[in-house]
Amino acid sequence: MGSFRRRSSALSETIEDDEPQTASYDSILHSKLAEDNLSLCRNRQWLFQDKFLTSTNELKKIDAEMNATTTSYIQDSMMSMQQSVHTTGQLKDQLTQLNNLMKSSSISLLKVDS
């Protein structure tokens, strides 16, 4: 059973380092499998790095689009609020004028019988 043991520690050291260390294996088959495993691990790492980079770029694009849309909505809301404040100020002034006009006119002296 000892001949079927895996040499995972040698393989993991090779994967973690940028420069692979040469490991001695009992047979050419083991050496070839180790090379293929190392190649697959590197390809997997490159694939995931590419996917993460693509995802990051897409998220940045969405973020930029959302920020542009949100900024325009906020600006529109601010302009609407400023217009509302201005309109409210005008209404207050006109109500004050109307109140003064009603006080000075003879209409305010009329009483309504109920």
PDB file of N, CA and C in Angstrom:
ATOM      1  N   MET A   1       0.809  -1.194   0.000  1.00  0.00           N
ATOM      2  CA  MET A   1       0.000   0.000   0.000  1.00  0.00           C
ATOM      3  C   MET A   1       0.852   1.258   0.000  1.00  0.00           C
ATOM      4  N   GLY A   2       2.059   1.174   0.447  1.00  0.00           N
ATOM      5  CA  GLY A   2       2.916   2.348   0.536  1.00  0.00           C
ATOM      6  C   GLY A   2       3.226   2.946  -0.821  1.00  0.00           C
ATOM      7  N   SER A   3       3.187   2.159  -1.888  1.00  0.00           N
ATOM      8  CA  SER A   3       3.513   2.681  -3.214  1.00  0.00           C
ATOM      9  C   SER A   3       2.404   3.532  -3.808  1.00  0.00           C
ATOM     10  N   PHE A   4       1.210   3.508  -3.218  1.00  0.00           N
ATOM     11  CA  PHE A   4       0.089   4.286  -3.744  1.00  0.00           C
ATOM     12  C   PHE A   4      -0.105   5.626  -3.027  1.00  0.00           C
ATOM     13  N   ARG A   5       0.798   5.979  -2.130  1.00  0.00           N
ATOM     14  CA  ARG A   5       0.656   7.241  -1.409  1.00  0.00           C
ATOM     15  C   ARG A   5       0.820   8.428  -2.352  1.00  0.00           C
ATOM     16  N   ARG A   6       0.075   9.441  -2.083  1.00  0.00           N
ATOM     17  CA  ARG A   6       0.144  10.658  -2.893  1.00  0.00           C
ATOM     18  C   ARG A   6       1.239  11.550  -2.364  1.00  0.00           C
ATOM     19  N   ARG A   7       1.882  12.233  -3.221  1.00  0.00           N
ATOM     20  CA  ARG A   7       2.922  13.177  -2.833  1.00  0.00           C
ATOM     21  C   ARG A   7       2.364  14.599  -2.978  1.00  0.00           C
ATOM     22  N   SER A   8       1.329  14.899  -2.217  1.00  0.00           N
ATOM     23  CA  SER A   8       0.649  16.189  -2.337  1.00  0.00           C
ATOM     24  C   SER A   8       1.514  17.335  -1.843  1.00  0.00           C
ATOM     25  N   SER A   9       2.382  17.092  -0.879  1.00  0.00           N
ATOM     26  CA  SER A   9       3.204  18.187  -0.357  1.00  0.00           C
ATOM     27  C   SER A   9       4.163  18.697  -1.422  1.00  0.00           C
ATOM     28  N   ALA A  10       4.756  17.817  -2.206  1.00  0.00           N
ATOM     29  CA  ALA A  10       5.661  18.253  -3.264  1.00  0.00           C
ATOM     30  C   ALA A  10       4.904  19.012  -4.339  1.00  0.00           C
ATOM     31  N   LEU A  11       3.699  18.569  -4.656  1.00  0.00           N
ATOM     32  CA  LEU A  11       2.902  19.229  -5.673  1.00  0.00           C
ATOM     33  C   LEU A  11       2.430  20.598  -5.205  1.00  0.00           C
ATOM     34  N   SER A  12       1.992  20.694  -3.943  1.00  0.00           N
ATOM     35  CA  SER A  12       1.509  21.978  -3.456  1.00  0.00           C
ATOM     36  C   SER A  12       2.637  22.992  -3.357  1.00  0.00           C
ATOM     37  N   GLU A  13       3.839  22.552  -3.024  1.00  0.00           N
ATOM     38  CA  GLU A  13       4.972  23.479  -3.003  1.00  0.00           C
ATOM     39  C   GLU A  13       5.247  23.999  -4.404  1.00  0.00           C
ATOM     40  N   THR A  14       5.121  23.121  -5.398  1.00  0.00           N
ATOM     41  CA  THR A  14       5.375  23.510  -6.781  1.00  0.00           C
ATOM     42  C   THR A  14       4.324  24.502  -7.257  1.00  0.00           C
ATOM     43  N   ILE A  15       3.076  24.323  -6.868  1.00  0.00           N
ATOM     44  CA  ILE A  15       1.995  25.205  -7.304  1.00  0.00           C
ATOM     45  C   ILE A  15       2.114  26.571  -6.652  1.00  0.00           C
ATOM     46  N   GLU A  16       2.475  26.609  -5.390  1.00  0.00           N
ATOM     47  CA  GLU A  16       2.520  27.875  -4.670  1.00  0.00           C
ATOM     48  C   GLU A  16       3.647  28.775  -5.149  1.00  0.00           C
ATOM     49  N   ASP A  17       4.756  28.205  -5.571  1.00  0.00           N
ATOM     50  CA  ASP A  17       5.887  28.999  -6.018  1.00  0.00           C
ATOM     51  C   ASP A  17       5.700  29.392  -7.477  1.00  0.00           C
ATOM     52  N   ASP A  18       6.261  30.548  -7.834  1.00  0.00           N
ATOM     53  CA  ASP A  18       6.212  30.964  -9.228  1.00  0.00           C
ATOM     54  C   ASP A  18       7.137  30.108 -10.086  1.00  0.00           C
ATOM     55  N   GLU A  19       8.285  29.755  -9.529  1.00  0.00           N
ATOM     56  CA  GLU A  19       9.221  28.908 -10.243  1.00  0.00           C
ATOM     57  C   GLU A  19       9.080  27.494  -9.694  1.00  0.00           C
ATOM     58  N   PRO A  20       8.610  26.569 -10.527  1.00  0.00           N
ATOM     59  CA  PRO A  20       8.384  25.223 -10.020  1.00  0.00           C
ATOM     60  C   PRO A  20       9.686  24.560  -9.597  1.00  0.00           C
ATOM     61  N   GLN A  21       9.614  23.835  -8.506  1.00  0.00           N
ATOM     62  CA  GLN A  21      10.749  23.064  -8.034  1.00  0.00           C
ATOM     63  C   GLN A  21      10.640  21.679  -8.640  1.00  0.00           C
ATOM     64  N   THR A  22      11.749  21.117  -8.964  1.00  0.00           N
ATOM     65  CA  THR A  22      11.720  19.771  -9.522  1.00  0.00           C
ATOM     66  C   THR A  22      11.586  18.785  -8.378  1.00  0.00           C
ATOM     67  N   ALA A  23      10.661  17.870  -8.539  1.00  0.00           N
ATOM     68  CA  ALA A  23      10.445  16.839  -7.547  1.00  0.00           C
ATOM     69  C   ALA A  23      10.783  15.504  -8.173  1.00  0.00           C
ATOM     70  N   SER A  24      11.284  14.606  -7.375  1.00  0.00           N
ATOM     71  CA  SER A  24      11.611  13.288  -7.911  1.00  0.00           C
ATOM     72  C   SER A  24      10.433  12.354  -7.688  1.00  0.00           C
ATOM     73  N   TYR A  25      10.052  11.663  -8.722  1.00  0.00           N
ATOM     74  CA  TYR A  25       8.940  10.728  -8.656  1.00  0.00           C
ATOM     75  C   TYR A  25       9.450   9.341  -9.006  1.00  0.00           C
ATOM     76  N   ASP A  26       8.694   8.354  -8.590  1.00  0.00           N
ATOM     77  CA  ASP A  26       9.105   6.966  -8.778  1.00  0.00           C
ATOM     78  C   ASP A  26       9.047   6.519 -10.234  1.00  0.00           C
ATOM     79  N   SER A  27       8.181   7.162 -11.031  1.00  0.00           N
ATOM     80  CA  SER A  27       8.042   6.724 -12.419  1.00  0.00           C
ATOM     81  C   SER A  27       7.791   7.919 -13.325  1.00  0.00           C
ATOM     82  N   ILE A  28       7.922   7.664 -14.620  1.00  0.00           N
ATOM     83  CA  ILE A  28       7.663   8.697 -15.619  1.00  0.00           C
ATOM     84  C   ILE A  28       6.192   9.088 -15.593  1.00  0.00           C
ATOM     85  N   LEU A  29       5.321   8.126 -15.337  1.00  0.00           N
ATOM     86  CA  LEU A  29       3.889   8.395 -15.265  1.00  0.00           C
ATOM     87  C   LEU A  29       3.583   9.388 -14.154  1.00  0.00           C
ATOM     88  N   HIS A  30       4.190   9.182 -12.990  1.00  0.00           N
ATOM     89  CA  HIS A  30       3.980  10.116 -11.876  1.00  0.00           C
ATOM     90  C   HIS A  30       4.498  11.506 -12.231  1.00  0.00           C
ATOM     91  N   SER A  31       5.631  11.560 -12.886  1.00  0.00           N
ATOM     92  CA  SER A  31       6.202  12.856 -13.289  1.00  0.00           C
ATOM     93  C   SER A  31       5.275  13.555 -14.278  1.00  0.00           C
ATOM     94  N   LYS A  32       4.785  12.791 -15.241  1.00  0.00           N
ATOM     95  CA  LYS A  32       3.882  13.368 -16.247  1.00  0.00           C
ATOM     96  C   LYS A  32       2.576  13.832 -15.603  1.00  0.00           C
ATOM     97  N   LEU A  33       2.032  13.048 -14.676  1.00  0.00           N
ATOM     98  CA  LEU A  33       0.812  13.450 -13.965  1.00  0.00           C
ATOM     99  C   LEU A  33       1.049  14.715 -13.143  1.00  0.00           C
ATOM    100  N   ALA A  34       2.195  14.802 -12.508  1.00  0.00           N
ATOM    101  CA  ALA A  34       2.518  15.998 -11.721  1.00  0.00           C
ATOM    102  C   ALA A  34       2.612  17.219 -12.626  1.00  0.00           C
ATOM    103  N   GLU A  35       3.239  17.062 -13.796  1.00  0.00           N
ATOM    104  CA  GLU A  35       3.333  18.178 -14.744  1.00  0.00           C
ATOM    105  C   GLU A  35       1.949  18.598 -15.230  1.00  0.00           C
ATOM    106  N   ASP A  36       1.128  17.592 -15.561  1.00  0.00           N
ATOM    107  CA  ASP A  36      -0.233  17.889 -16.030  1.00  0.00           C
ATOM    108  C   ASP A  36      -1.052  18.564 -14.925  1.00  0.00           C
ATOM    109  N   ASN A  37      -0.925  18.091 -13.691  1.00  0.00           N
ATOM    110  CA  ASN A  37      -1.634  18.724 -12.572  1.00  0.00           C
ATOM    111  C   ASN A  37      -1.189  20.162 -12.379  1.00  0.00           C
ATOM    112  N   LEU A  38       0.116  20.376 -12.463  1.00  0.00           N
ATOM    113  CA  LEU A  38       0.642  21.728 -12.319  1.00  0.00           C
ATOM    114  C   LEU A  38       0.113  22.627 -13.436  1.00  0.00           C
ATOM    115  N   SER A  39       0.093  22.112 -14.655  1.00  0.00           N
ATOM    116  CA  SER A  39      -0.423  22.867 -15.794  1.00  0.00           C
ATOM    117  C   SER A  39      -1.906  23.189 -15.605  1.00  0.00           C
ATOM    118  N   LEU A  40      -2.676  22.198 -15.155  1.00  0.00           N
ATOM    119  CA  LEU A  40      -4.102  22.431 -14.908  1.00  0.00           C
ATOM    120  C   LEU A  40      -4.317  23.464 -13.808  1.00  0.00           C
ATOM    121  N   CYS A  41      -3.523  23.390 -12.754  1.00  0.00           N
ATOM    122  CA  CYS A  41      -3.657  24.366 -11.664  1.00  0.00           C
ATOM    123  C   CYS A  41      -3.347  25.774 -12.149  1.00  0.00           C
ATOM    124  N   ARG A  42      -2.293  25.909 -12.938  1.00  0.00           N
ATOM    125  CA  ARG A  42      -1.951  27.241 -13.467  1.00  0.00           C
ATOM    126  C   ARG A  42      -3.057  27.753 -14.392  1.00  0.00           C
ATOM    127  N   ASN A  43      -3.552  26.862 -15.267  1.00  0.00           N
ATOM    128  CA  ASN A  43      -4.631  27.266 -16.167  1.00  0.00           C
ATOM    129  C   ASN A  43      -5.870  27.670 -15.383  1.00  0.00           C
ATOM    130  N   ARG A  44      -6.166  26.936 -14.322  1.00  0.00           N
ATOM    131  CA  ARG A  44      -7.313  27.272 -13.486  1.00  0.00           C
ATOM    132  C   ARG A  44      -7.108  28.637 -12.826  1.00  0.00           C
ATOM    133  N   GLN A  45      -5.910  28.873 -12.328  1.00  0.00           N
ATOM    134  CA  GLN A  45      -5.622  30.166 -11.708  1.00  0.00           C
ATOM    135  C   GLN A  45      -5.762  31.293 -12.717  1.00  0.00           C
ATOM    136  N   TRP A  46      -5.249  31.109 -13.923  1.00  0.00           N
ATOM    137  CA  TRP A  46      -5.356  32.141 -14.960  1.00  0.00           C
ATOM    138  C   TRP A  46      -6.804  32.360 -15.360  1.00  0.00           C
ATOM    139  N   LEU A  47      -7.545  31.258 -15.455  1.00  0.00           N
ATOM    140  CA  LEU A  47      -8.957  31.361 -15.807  1.00  0.00           C
ATOM    141  C   LEU A  47      -9.715  32.178 -14.766  1.00  0.00           C
ATOM    142  N   PHE A  48      -9.508  31.858 -13.485  1.00  0.00           N
ATOM    143  CA  PHE A  48     -10.206  32.595 -12.439  1.00  0.00           C
ATOM    144  C   PHE A  48      -9.739  34.037 -12.359  1.00  0.00           C
ATOM    145  N   GLN A  49      -8.447  34.279 -12.566  1.00  0.00           N
ATOM    146  CA  GLN A  49      -7.975  35.665 -12.573  1.00  0.00           C
ATOM    147  C   GLN A  49      -8.637  36.437 -13.700  1.00  0.00           C
ATOM    148  N   ASP A  50      -8.747  35.801 -14.866  1.00  0.00           N
ATOM    149  CA  ASP A  50      -9.403  36.444 -16.003  1.00  0.00           C
ATOM    150  C   ASP A  50     -10.877  36.707 -15.701  1.00  0.00           C
ATOM    151  N   LYS A  51     -11.553  35.712 -15.113  1.00  0.00           N
ATOM    152  CA  LYS A  51     -12.968  35.883 -14.762  1.00  0.00           C
ATOM    153  C   LYS A  51     -13.147  36.999 -13.747  1.00  0.00           C
ATOM    154  N   PHE A  52     -12.290  37.033 -12.726  1.00  0.00           N
ATOM    155  CA  PHE A  52     -12.396  38.079 -11.714  1.00  0.00           C
ATOM    156  C   PHE A  52     -12.106  39.450 -12.317  1.00  0.00           C
ATOM    157  N   LEU A  53     -11.141  39.521 -13.207  1.00  0.00           N
ATOM    158  CA  LEU A  53     -10.830  40.794 -13.861  1.00  0.00           C
ATOM    159  C   LEU A  53     -12.013  41.251 -14.709  1.00  0.00           C
ATOM    160  N   THR A  54     -12.594  40.314 -15.470  1.00  0.00           N
ATOM    161  CA  THR A  54     -13.759  40.635 -16.292  1.00  0.00           C
ATOM    162  C   THR A  54     -14.928  41.088 -15.417  1.00  0.00           C
ATOM    163  N   SER A  55     -15.161  40.367 -14.327  1.00  0.00           N
ATOM    164  CA  SER A  55     -16.251  40.725 -13.422  1.00  0.00           C
ATOM    165  C   SER A  55     -16.013  42.095 -12.793  1.00  0.00           C
ATOM    166  N   THR A  56     -14.778  42.348 -12.395  1.00  0.00           N
ATOM    167  CA  THR A  56     -14.442  43.643 -11.804  1.00  0.00           C
ATOM    168  C   THR A  56     -14.676  44.767 -12.801  1.00  0.00           C
ATOM    169  N   ASN A  57     -14.269  44.551 -14.049  1.00  0.00           N
ATOM    170  CA  ASN A  57     -14.477  45.576 -15.079  1.00  0.00           C
ATOM    171  C   ASN A  57     -15.962  45.811 -15.338  1.00  0.00           C
ATOM    172  N   GLU A  58     -16.742  44.739 -15.364  1.00  0.00           N
ATOM    173  CA  GLU A  58     -18.188  44.885 -15.565  1.00  0.00           C
ATOM    174  C   GLU A  58     -18.826  45.635 -14.394  1.00  0.00           C
ATOM    175  N   LEU A  59     -18.396  45.326 -13.178  1.00  0.00           N
ATOM    176  CA  LEU A  59     -18.928  46.025 -12.008  1.00  0.00           C
ATOM    177  C   LEU A  59     -18.555  47.508 -12.036  1.00  0.00           C
ATOM    178  N   LYS A  60     -17.343  47.813 -12.451  1.00  0.00           N
ATOM    179  CA  LYS A  60     -16.933  49.216 -12.564  1.00  0.00           C
ATOM    180  C   LYS A  60     -17.791  49.941 -13.603  1.00  0.00           C
ATOM    181  N   LYS A  61     -18.079  49.250 -14.715  1.00  0.00           N
ATOM    182  CA  LYS A  61     -18.917  49.842 -15.767  1.00  0.00           C
ATOM    183  C   LYS A  61     -20.325  50.112 -15.241  1.00  0.00           C
ATOM    184  N   ILE A  62     -20.895  49.127 -14.545  1.00  0.00           N
ATOM    185  CA  ILE A  62     -22.235  49.286 -13.974  1.00  0.00           C
ATOM    186  C   ILE A  62     -22.238  50.401 -12.945  1.00  0.00           C
ATOM    187  N   ASP A  63     -21.188  50.446 -12.124  1.00  0.00           N
ATOM    188  CA  ASP A  63     -21.085  51.491 -11.105  1.00  0.00           C
ATOM    189  C   ASP A  63     -21.040  52.867 -11.753  1.00  0.00           C
ATOM    190  N   ALA A  64     -20.267  52.999 -12.813  1.00  0.00           N
ATOM    191  CA  ALA A  64     -20.181  54.290 -13.509  1.00  0.00           C
ATOM    192  C   ALA A  64     -21.531  54.680 -14.104  1.00  0.00           C
ATOM    193  N   GLU A  65     -22.218  53.705 -14.716  1.00  0.00           N
ATOM    194  CA  GLU A  65     -23.534  53.991 -15.294  1.00  0.00           C
ATOM    195  C   GLU A  65     -24.535  54.377 -14.208  1.00  0.00           C
ATOM    196  N   MET A  66     -24.510  53.651 -13.103  1.00  0.00           N
ATOM    197  CA  MET A  66     -25.436  53.945 -12.008  1.00  0.00           C
ATOM    198  C   MET A  66     -25.137  55.305 -11.397  1.00  0.00           C
ATOM    199  N   ASN A  67     -23.854  55.621 -11.240  1.00  0.00           N
ATOM    200  CA  ASN A  67     -23.493  56.924 -10.690  1.00  0.00           C
ATOM    201  C   ASN A  67     -23.958  58.045 -11.607  1.00  0.00           C
ATOM    202  N   ALA A  68     -23.805  57.856 -12.911  1.00  0.00           N
ATOM    203  CA  ALA A  68     -24.242  58.890 -13.858  1.00  0.00           C
ATOM    204  C   ALA A  68     -25.758  59.062 -13.780  1.00  0.00           C
ATOM    205  N   THR A  69     -26.488  57.962 -13.750  1.00  0.00           N
ATOM    206  CA  THR A  69     -27.950  58.023 -13.667  1.00  0.00           C
ATOM    207  C   THR A  69     -28.379  58.631 -12.341  1.00  0.00           C
ATOM    208  N   THR A  70     -27.785  58.171 -11.261  1.00  0.00           N
ATOM    209  CA  THR A  70     -28.138  58.671  -9.933  1.00  0.00           C
ATOM    210  C   THR A  70     -27.822  60.153  -9.812  1.00  0.00           C
ATOM    211  N   THR A  71     -26.687  60.563 -10.348  1.00  0.00           N
ATOM    212  CA  THR A  71     -26.307  61.974 -10.286  1.00  0.00           C
ATOM    213  C   THR A  71     -27.331  62.836 -11.011  1.00  0.00           C
ATOM    214  N   SER A  72     -27.784  62.395 -12.180  1.00  0.00           N
ATOM    215  CA  SER A  72     -28.776  63.200 -12.915  1.00  0.00           C
ATOM    216  C   SER A  72     -30.101  63.246 -12.155  1.00  0.00           C
ATOM    217  N   TYR A  73     -30.489  62.130 -11.529  1.00  0.00           N
ATOM    218  CA  TYR A  73     -31.724  62.130 -10.732  1.00  0.00           C
ATOM    219  C   TYR A  73     -31.606  63.061  -9.527  1.00  0.00           C
ATOM    220  N   ILE A  74     -30.459  63.048  -8.885  1.00  0.00           N
ATOM    221  CA  ILE A  74     -30.252  63.923  -7.723  1.00  0.00           C
ATOM    222  C   ILE A  74     -30.278  65.382  -8.161  1.00  0.00           C
ATOM    223  N   GLN A  75     -29.646  65.690  -9.291  1.00  0.00           N
ATOM    224  CA  GLN A  75     -29.657  67.065  -9.784  1.00  0.00           C
ATOM    225  C   GLN A  75     -31.076  67.510 -10.137  1.00  0.00           C
ATOM    226  N   ASP A  76     -31.828  66.633 -10.788  1.00  0.00           N
ATOM    227  CA  ASP A  76     -33.219  66.961 -11.117  1.00  0.00           C
ATOM    228  C   ASP A  76     -34.037  67.188  -9.842  1.00  0.00           C
ATOM    229  N   SER A  77     -33.826  66.339  -8.852  1.00  0.00           N
ATOM    230  CA  SER A  77     -34.553  66.489  -7.587  1.00  0.00           C
ATOM    231  C   SER A  77     -34.191  67.796  -6.897  1.00  0.00           C
ATOM    232  N   MET A  78     -32.909  68.138  -6.913  1.00  0.00           N
ATOM    233  CA  MET A  78     -32.486  69.396  -6.291  1.00  0.00           C
ATOM    234  C   MET A  78     -33.116  70.597  -6.995  1.00  0.00           C
ATOM    235  N   MET A  79     -33.157  70.551  -8.318  1.00  0.00           N
ATOM    236  CA  MET A  79     -33.771  71.655  -9.052  1.00  0.00           C
ATOM    237  C   MET A  79     -35.265  71.742  -8.738  1.00  0.00           C
ATOM    238  N   SER A  80     -35.926  70.592  -8.657  1.00  0.00           N
ATOM    239  CA  SER A  80     -37.355  70.585  -8.326  1.00  0.00           C
ATOM    240  C   SER A  80     -37.602  71.118  -6.922  1.00  0.00           C
ATOM    241  N   MET A  81     -36.748  70.748  -5.993  1.00  0.00           N
ATOM    242  CA  MET A  81     -36.903  71.240  -4.615  1.00  0.00           C
ATOM    243  C   MET A  81     -36.672  72.748  -4.548  1.00  0.00           C
ATOM    244  N   GLN A  82     -35.662  73.228  -5.274  1.00  0.00           N
ATOM    245  CA  GLN A  82     -35.420  74.669  -5.296  1.00  0.00           C
ATOM    246  C   GLN A  82     -36.606  75.406  -5.902  1.00  0.00           C
ATOM    247  N   GLN A  83     -37.175  74.853  -6.958  1.00  0.00           N
ATOM    248  CA  GLN A  83     -38.349  75.467  -7.573  1.00  0.00           C
ATOM    249  C   GLN A  83     -39.517  75.459  -6.598  1.00  0.00           C
ATOM    250  N   SER A  84     -39.682  74.361  -5.844  1.00  0.00           N
ATOM    251  CA  SER A  84     -40.765  74.277  -4.857  1.00  0.00           C
ATOM    252  C   SER A  84     -40.584  75.313  -3.751  1.00  0.00           C
ATOM    253  N   VAL A  85     -39.355  75.484  -3.296  1.00  0.00           N
ATOM    254  CA  VAL A  85     -39.087  76.500  -2.265  1.00  0.00           C
ATOM    255  C   VAL A  85     -39.414  77.889  -2.810  1.00  0.00           C
ATOM    256  N   HIS A  86     -39.015  78.150  -4.041  1.00  0.00           N
ATOM    257  CA  HIS A  86     -39.305  79.448  -4.651  1.00  0.00           C
ATOM    258  C   HIS A  86     -40.812  79.665  -4.791  1.00  0.00           C
ATOM    259  N   THR A  87     -41.522  78.647  -5.272  1.00  0.00           N
ATOM    260  CA  THR A  87     -42.977  78.737  -5.434  1.00  0.00           C
ATOM    261  C   THR A  87     -43.662  78.931  -4.087  1.00  0.00           C
ATOM    262  N   THR A  88     -43.191  78.232  -3.069  1.00  0.00           N
ATOM    263  CA  THR A  88     -43.768  78.378  -1.725  1.00  0.00           C
ATOM    264  C   THR A  88     -43.560  79.793  -1.203  1.00  0.00           C
ATOM    265  N   GLY A  89     -42.383  80.359  -1.451  1.00  0.00           N
ATOM    266  CA  GLY A  89     -42.121  81.749  -1.045  1.00  0.00           C
ATOM    267  C   GLY A  89     -43.047  82.722  -1.752  1.00  0.00           C
ATOM    268  N   GLN A  90     -43.275  82.497  -3.040  1.00  0.00           N
ATOM    269  CA  GLN A  90     -44.192  83.363  -3.784  1.00  0.00           C
ATOM    270  C   GLN A  90     -45.612  83.235  -3.248  1.00  0.00           C
ATOM    271  N   LEU A  91     -46.043  82.000  -2.939  1.00  0.00           N
ATOM    272  CA  LEU A  91     -47.389  81.810  -2.386  1.00  0.00           C
ATOM    273  C   LEU A  91     -47.538  82.524  -1.046  1.00  0.00           C
ATOM    274  N   LYS A  92     -46.512  82.444  -0.228  1.00  0.00           N
ATOM    275  CA  LYS A  92     -46.561  83.121   1.073  1.00  0.00           C
ATOM    276  C   LYS A  92     -46.726  84.634   0.881  1.00  0.00           C
ATOM    277  N   ASP A  93     -45.938  85.186  -0.024  1.00  0.00           N
ATOM    278  CA  ASP A  93     -46.049  86.630  -0.287  1.00  0.00           C
ATOM    279  C   ASP A  93     -47.432  86.996  -0.820  1.00  0.00           C
ATOM    280  N   GLN A  94     -47.955  86.204  -1.739  1.00  0.00           N
ATOM    281  CA  GLN A  94     -49.269  86.496  -2.308  1.00  0.00           C
ATOM    282  C   GLN A  94     -50.379  86.330  -1.277  1.00  0.00           C
ATOM    283  N   LEU A  95     -50.263  85.334  -0.395  1.00  0.00           N
ATOM    284  CA  LEU A  95     -51.263  85.181   0.665  1.00  0.00           C
ATOM    285  C   LEU A  95     -51.226  86.348   1.643  1.00  0.00           C
ATOM    286  N   THR A  96     -50.030  86.831   1.917  1.00  0.00           N
ATOM    287  CA  THR A  96     -49.918  88.005   2.786  1.00  0.00           C
ATOM    288  C   THR A  96     -50.577  89.217   2.134  1.00  0.00           C
ATOM    289  N   GLN A  97     -50.326  89.409   0.840  1.00  0.00           N
ATOM    290  CA  GLN A  97     -50.955  90.523   0.121  1.00  0.00           C
ATOM    291  C   GLN A  97     -52.471  90.362   0.085  1.00  0.00           C
ATOM    292  N   LEU A  98     -52.948  89.153  -0.144  1.00  0.00           N
ATOM    293  CA  LEU A  98     -54.379  88.898  -0.174  1.00  0.00           C
ATOM    294  C   LEU A  98     -54.998  89.166   1.192  1.00  0.00           C
ATOM    295  N   ASN A  99     -54.327  88.763   2.234  1.00  0.00           N
ATOM    296  CA  ASN A  99     -54.817  89.007   3.591  1.00  0.00           C
ATOM    297  C   ASN A  99     -54.904  90.511   3.872  1.00  0.00           C
ATOM    298  N   ASN A 100     -53.881  91.236   3.500  1.00  0.00           N
ATOM    299  CA  ASN A 100     -53.898  92.696   3.702  1.00  0.00           C
ATOM    300  C   ASN A 100     -55.008  93.346   2.875  1.00  0.00           C
ATOM    301  N   LEU A 101     -55.191  92.869   1.660  1.00  0.00           N
ATOM    302  CA  LEU A 101     -56.247  93.398   0.800  1.00  0.00           C
ATOM    303  C   LEU A 101     -57.621  93.130   1.403  1.00  0.00           C
ATOM    304  N   MET A 102     -57.816  91.929   1.920  1.00  0.00           N
ATOM    305  CA  MET A 102     -59.101  91.579   2.518  1.00  0.00           C
ATOM    306  C   MET A 102     -59.370  92.418   3.776  1.00  0.00           C
ATOM    307  N   LYS A 103     -58.336  92.687   4.544  1.00  0.00           N
ATOM    308  CA  LYS A 103     -58.516  93.502   5.757  1.00  0.00           C
ATOM    309  C   LYS A 103     -58.914  94.938   5.409  1.00  0.00           C
ATOM    310  N   SER A 104     -58.370  95.437   4.332  1.00  0.00           N
ATOM    311  CA  SER A 104     -58.655  96.831   3.978  1.00  0.00           C
ATOM    312  C   SER A 104     -59.903  96.986   3.120  1.00  0.00           C
ATOM    313  N   SER A 105     -60.449  95.942   2.635  1.00  0.00           N
ATOM    314  CA  SER A 105     -61.632  96.066   1.770  1.00  0.00           C
ATOM    315  C   SER A 105     -62.909  95.952   2.583  1.00  0.00           C
ATOM    316  N   SER A 106     -64.003  96.312   1.907  1.00  0.00           N
ATOM    317  CA  SER A 106     -65.292  96.257   2.585  1.00  0.00           C
ATOM    318  C   SER A 106     -65.854  94.830   2.590  1.00  0.00           C
ATOM    319  N   ILE A 107     -65.255  93.950   1.826  1.00  0.00           N
ATOM    320  CA  ILE A 107     -65.750  92.565   1.772  1.00  0.00           C
ATOM    321  C   ILE A 107     -65.570  91.895   3.130  1.00  0.00           C
ATOM    322  N   SER A 108     -64.547  92.246   3.843  1.00  0.00           N
ATOM    323  CA  SER A 108     -64.282  91.595   5.132  1.00  0.00           C
ATOM    324  C   SER A 108     -65.326  91.997   6.165  1.00  0.00           C
ATOM    325  N   LEU A 109     -66.051  93.106   5.919  1.00  0.00           N
ATOM    326  CA  LEU A 109     -67.051  93.546   6.864  1.00  0.00           C
ATOM    327  C   LEU A 109     -68.345  92.767   6.717  1.00  0.00           C
ATOM    328  N   LEU A 110     -68.547  92.131   5.594  1.00  0.00           N
ATOM    329  CA  LEU A 110     -69.751  91.355   5.374  1.00  0.00           C
ATOM    330  C   LEU A 110     -69.719  90.090   6.220  1.00  0.00           C
ATOM    331  N   LYS A 111     -70.861  89.756   6.779  1.00  0.00           N
ATOM    332  CA  LYS A 111     -70.957  88.545   7.565  1.00  0.00           C
ATOM    333  C   LYS A 111     -71.869  87.581   6.841  1.00  0.00           C
ATOM    334  N   VAL A 112     -71.548  86.364   6.959  1.00  0.00           N
ATOM    335  CA  VAL A 112     -72.373  85.327   6.342  1.00  0.00           C
ATOM    336  C   VAL A 112     -73.220  84.717   7.445  1.00  0.00           C
ATOM    337  N   ASP A 113     -74.548  84.719   7.242  1.00  0.00           N
ATOM    338  CA  ASP A 113     -75.446  84.119   8.221  1.00  0.00           C
ATOM    339  C   ASP A 113     -75.557  82.637   7.932  1.00  0.00           C
ATOM    340  N   SER A 114     -75.502  81.877   8.976  1.00  0.00           N
ATOM    341  CA  SER A 114     -75.659  80.449   8.772  1.00  0.00           C
ATOM    342  C   SER A 114     -76.972  79.945   9.256  1.00  0.00           C
TER     343      SER A 114
END
